[in-house]
């Protein structure tokens, strides 16, 4: 018991505030912990050319706790860009800037999945179909009578998103188009019709005025 206390004091003095032998069942001067207490995990830390064992309550980033009858150990996650994992092949939390999806880490979510920013996860997104052909160019529900109009195309929502917070992409869009028929068959534009009536009225007034002058001049000559 006295030897154990002296050993702990020795390592505390040489390895800072966290004694290298803390939680150890057995400890080596050169290699640190060799065996850990039952509930702790054995972690082999490497610093340059040196490595030593530690006994931890939880494994550090990039490792997961593997419990075995012999001794619990910290095993490295095999998933690239993983911060913590459930097993070596299933990541539960990715490093900053990466999205978690089915136990893997991605810079951007795969096709058909949307990024849930607050959790940095990829969830099933809103799936839409193909765009339809552009519709007929029209304006005010008319396909003639104007030079320019709008044409529209649409697409259907095939599958709604898993979460209501994931928006669907636009399912309708319009663009400016030139009318195929500027003038409606058998019809006249209101503005043109009004101008012609006004012009005809002016011509009638001028003709009546000239006729009156002619009659007055004829009477005088008689």
Protein backbone atom coordinates (compact mmCIF):
# COMPACT_ATOMS: atom_id res chain seq x y z
CA UNK A 1 0.00 0.00 0.00
CA UNK A 2 2.85 2.34 0.89
CA UNK A 3 4.64 1.38 -2.33
CA UNK A 4 1.54 2.13 -4.37
CA UNK A 5 1.14 5.60 -2.86
CA UNK A 6 4.81 6.39 -3.43
CA UNK A 7 4.49 5.26 -7.05
CA UNK A 8 1.44 7.47 -7.61
CA UNK A 9 3.25 10.44 -6.09
CA UNK A 10 6.22 9.78 -8.39
CA UNK A 11 4.12 9.79 -11.56
CA UNK A 12 2.06 12.80 -10.39
CA UNK A 13 5.24 14.78 -9.96
CA UNK A 14 6.63 13.76 -13.36
CA UNK A 15 3.51 13.82 -15.56
CA UNK A 16 1.58 16.88 -14.39
CA UNK A 17 -1.83 17.28 -12.69
CA UNK A 18 -3.31 14.03 -14.13
CA UNK A 19 -1.12 11.21 -12.76
CA UNK A 20 -0.32 8.66 -15.41
CA UNK A 21 -1.20 5.84 -13.06
CA UNK A 22 -4.62 7.17 -12.08
CA UNK A 23 -7.20 4.38 -12.32
CA UNK A 24 -4.56 1.72 -12.97
CA UNK A 25 -4.62 -1.76 -11.48
CA UNK A 26 -1.01 -2.09 -12.54
CA UNK A 27 1.38 0.58 -13.76
CA UNK A 28 4.83 0.78 -15.35
CA UNK A 29 7.34 3.57 -14.86
CA UNK A 30 8.10 3.62 -18.59
CA UNK A 31 4.77 2.60 -20.14
CA UNK A 32 2.20 3.99 -17.70
CA UNK A 33 -0.96 1.98 -17.09
CA UNK A 34 -0.85 -1.68 -18.04
CA UNK A 35 -4.21 -2.74 -16.62
CA UNK A 36 -7.22 -0.59 -15.72
CA UNK A 37 -9.97 -0.79 -13.14
CA UNK A 38 -13.07 -2.67 -14.31
CA UNK A 39 -15.23 0.32 -15.41
CA UNK A 40 -12.43 2.28 -17.10
CA UNK A 41 -11.12 2.06 -20.67
CA UNK A 42 -7.48 1.44 -21.49
CA UNK A 43 -6.12 4.00 -23.97
CA UNK A 44 -2.65 3.88 -25.47
CA UNK A 45 -1.58 7.50 -25.97
CA UNK A 46 1.21 8.37 -28.39
CA UNK A 47 3.32 11.51 -28.11
CA UNK A 48 6.06 11.60 -30.69
CA UNK A 49 8.25 8.55 -30.25
CA UNK A 50 6.86 7.85 -26.78
CA UNK A 51 3.66 5.96 -25.92
CA UNK A 52 2.06 5.15 -22.58
CA UNK A 53 -1.16 3.70 -21.27
CA UNK A 54 -3.96 5.63 -19.59
CA UNK A 55 -7.19 4.58 -17.88
CA UNK A 56 -10.14 6.79 -18.89
CA UNK A 57 -13.85 7.01 -18.09
CA UNK A 58 -14.60 7.76 -21.77
CA UNK A 59 -12.53 7.46 -24.91
CA UNK A 60 -11.14 10.58 -26.68
CA UNK A 61 -12.25 11.94 -30.05
CA UNK A 62 -11.82 9.47 -32.88
CA UNK A 63 -12.13 6.42 -30.59
CA UNK A 64 -14.95 4.32 -29.14
CA UNK A 65 -15.16 2.16 -26.03
CA UNK A 66 -14.87 -1.55 -26.68
CA UNK A 67 -15.82 -3.70 -23.68
CA UNK A 68 -14.27 -7.18 -23.43
CA UNK A 69 -14.10 -9.79 -20.63
CA UNK A 70 -10.37 -9.25 -20.37
CA UNK A 71 -10.16 -5.42 -20.33
CA UNK A 72 -12.10 -2.51 -21.76
CA UNK A 73 -10.18 -0.67 -24.46
CA UNK A 74 -10.38 2.47 -26.60
CA UNK A 75 -10.44 1.40 -30.23
CA UNK A 76 -9.94 3.78 -33.15
CA UNK A 77 -12.87 4.72 -35.40
CA UNK A 78 -12.26 3.56 -38.97
CA UNK A 79 -14.62 6.13 -40.52
CA UNK A 80 -12.85 9.06 -42.16
CA UNK A 81 -13.54 12.50 -40.56
CA UNK A 82 -15.36 10.89 -37.61
CA UNK A 83 -15.28 12.54 -34.18
CA UNK A 84 -17.00 9.77 -32.21
CA UNK A 85 -18.37 6.39 -33.23
CA UNK A 86 -20.56 3.56 -31.98
CA UNK A 87 -18.31 0.93 -33.52
CA UNK A 88 -15.28 1.13 -35.75
CA UNK A 89 -17.52 1.15 -38.87
CA UNK A 90 -20.39 3.36 -37.66
CA UNK A 91 -19.86 7.05 -36.87
CA UNK A 92 -22.29 8.83 -34.51
CA UNK A 93 -20.75 12.31 -34.74
CA UNK A 94 -18.63 13.78 -37.52
CA UNK A 95 -15.91 16.37 -37.29
CA UNK A 96 -16.79 20.05 -37.76
CA UNK A 97 -17.91 20.83 -41.30
CA UNK A 98 -19.04 17.27 -42.11
CA UNK A 99 -22.57 15.82 -42.23
CA UNK A 100 -23.45 12.47 -40.66
CA UNK A 101 -25.31 10.01 -42.86
CA UNK A 102 -25.82 6.31 -42.15
CA UNK A 103 -22.69 6.05 -40.07
CA UNK A 104 -20.48 7.95 -42.54
CA UNK A 105 -19.29 11.55 -42.84
CA UNK A 106 -19.80 13.73 -45.93
CA UNK A 107 -18.93 17.27 -46.99
CA UNK A 108 -22.31 17.46 -48.73
CA UNK A 109 -25.36 15.21 -48.48
CA UNK A 110 -25.90 12.53 -51.15
CA UNK A 111 -28.56 12.96 -53.84
CA UNK A 112 -32.09 12.69 -52.47
CA UNK A 113 -31.07 13.84 -48.98
CA UNK A 114 -31.09 17.30 -47.40
CA UNK A 115 -28.76 18.83 -44.82
CA UNK A 116 -30.22 19.46 -41.36
CA UNK A 117 -27.84 22.22 -40.29
CA UNK A 118 -28.63 22.30 -36.56
CA UNK A 119 -27.74 18.61 -36.19
CA UNK A 120 -25.28 18.37 -39.10
CA UNK A 121 -27.14 15.31 -40.40
CA UNK A 122 -28.44 14.22 -43.79
CA UNK A 123 -32.15 13.41 -43.78
CA UNK A 124 -34.52 12.34 -46.53
CA UNK A 125 -35.29 15.40 -48.59
CA UNK A 126 -38.19 16.43 -50.80
CA UNK A 127 -38.08 14.43 -54.00
CA UNK A 128 -39.54 16.05 -57.12
CA UNK A 129 -40.16 14.75 -60.63
CA UNK A 130 -38.98 16.02 -64.01
CA UNK A 131 -40.00 19.40 -65.38
CA UNK A 132 -42.90 19.44 -67.82
CA UNK A 133 -42.64 21.12 -71.22
CA UNK A 134 -43.09 24.90 -71.30
CA UNK A 135 -46.77 25.88 -71.57
CA UNK A 136 -48.43 28.18 -74.12
CA UNK A 137 -47.32 31.79 -74.10
CA UNK A 138 -50.20 33.91 -72.74
CA UNK A 139 -51.10 37.13 -70.97
CA UNK A 140 -54.24 37.80 -68.98
CA UNK A 141 -55.40 34.32 -70.03
CA UNK A 142 -55.16 35.32 -73.70
CA UNK A 143 -52.86 33.84 -76.32
CA UNK A 144 -53.12 36.82 -78.68
CA UNK A 145 -53.52 40.60 -78.57
CA UNK A 146 -50.11 41.27 -76.98
CA UNK A 147 -46.49 41.18 -78.08
CA UNK A 148 -45.06 39.66 -74.88
CA UNK A 149 -46.46 37.17 -72.36
CA UNK A 150 -45.40 34.45 -69.90
CA UNK A 151 -44.99 30.71 -70.26
CA UNK A 152 -44.90 28.30 -67.30
CA UNK A 153 -43.65 24.80 -66.56
CA UNK A 154 -44.28 22.62 -63.49
CA UNK A 155 -43.12 19.45 -61.73
CA UNK A 156 -44.74 17.20 -59.12
CA UNK A 157 -43.64 16.33 -55.58
CA UNK A 158 -42.85 12.61 -55.68
CA UNK A 159 -41.96 12.19 -51.99
CA UNK A 160 -42.44 14.62 -49.11
CA UNK A 161 -39.46 15.31 -46.81
CA UNK A 162 -38.99 13.35 -43.59
CA UNK A 163 -39.05 16.58 -41.56
CA UNK A 164 -41.32 19.59 -42.10
CA UNK A 165 -38.32 21.88 -41.63
CA UNK A 166 -36.84 20.68 -44.94
CA UNK A 167 -38.28 22.86 -47.75
CA UNK A 168 -39.16 21.44 -51.15
CA UNK A 169 -37.56 22.97 -54.24
CA UNK A 170 -39.77 25.13 -56.46
CA UNK A 171 -42.38 23.17 -58.41
CA UNK A 172 -43.36 25.93 -60.86
CA UNK A 173 -41.44 28.58 -62.75
CA UNK A 174 -42.26 31.13 -65.46
CA UNK A 175 -40.33 33.07 -68.06
CA UNK A 176 -41.02 35.89 -70.52
CA UNK A 177 -41.99 34.84 -74.02
CA UNK A 178 -43.02 36.37 -77.34
CA UNK A 179 -46.59 35.81 -78.46
CA UNK A 180 -47.01 33.58 -81.51
CA UNK A 181 -50.03 35.67 -82.56
CA UNK A 182 -49.78 39.35 -81.76
CA UNK A 183 -53.14 40.24 -83.32
CA UNK A 184 -56.24 38.24 -82.52
CA UNK A 185 -58.05 36.89 -85.66
CA UNK A 186 -61.22 38.89 -86.50
CA UNK A 187 -60.63 41.34 -83.74
CA UNK A 188 -59.22 44.82 -83.32
CA UNK A 189 -57.23 46.23 -80.49
CA UNK A 190 -59.25 48.80 -78.50
CA UNK A 191 -56.67 51.53 -78.86
CA UNK A 192 -56.51 51.26 -82.67
CA UNK A 193 -60.33 51.18 -83.01
CA UNK A 194 -60.68 54.35 -80.97
CA UNK A 195 -58.07 56.15 -83.08
CA UNK A 196 -59.82 55.20 -86.34
CA UNK A 197 -63.23 56.41 -85.11
CA UNK A 198 -61.70 59.72 -84.07
CA UNK A 199 -59.97 60.11 -87.43
CA UNK A 200 -63.20 59.32 -89.31
CA UNK A 201 -65.12 61.87 -87.25
CA UNK A 202 -62.54 64.57 -88.04
CA UNK A 203 -62.74 63.79 -91.75
CA UNK A 204 -66.55 64.09 -91.68
CA UNK A 205 -66.36 67.44 -89.90
CA UNK A 206 -63.81 68.77 -92.41
CA UNK A 207 -65.94 67.56 -95.35
CA UNK A 208 -69.07 69.25 -93.94
CA UNK A 209 -67.13 72.49 -93.37
CA UNK A 210 -65.75 72.50 -96.90
CA UNK A 211 -69.23 71.81 -98.30
CA UNK A 212 -70.68 74.79 -96.37
CA UNK A 213 -67.95 77.08 -97.71
CA UNK A 214 -68.64 75.86 -101.24
CA UNK A 215 -72.36 76.58 -100.92
CA UNK A 216 -71.75 80.07 -99.53
CA UNK A 217 -69.32 80.92 -102.32
CA UNK A 218 -71.78 79.69 -104.96
CA UNK A 219 -74.60 81.90 -103.63
CA UNK A 220 -72.36 84.95 -103.67
CA UNK A 221 -71.34 84.35 -107.28
CA UNK A 222 -75.01 84.14 -108.31
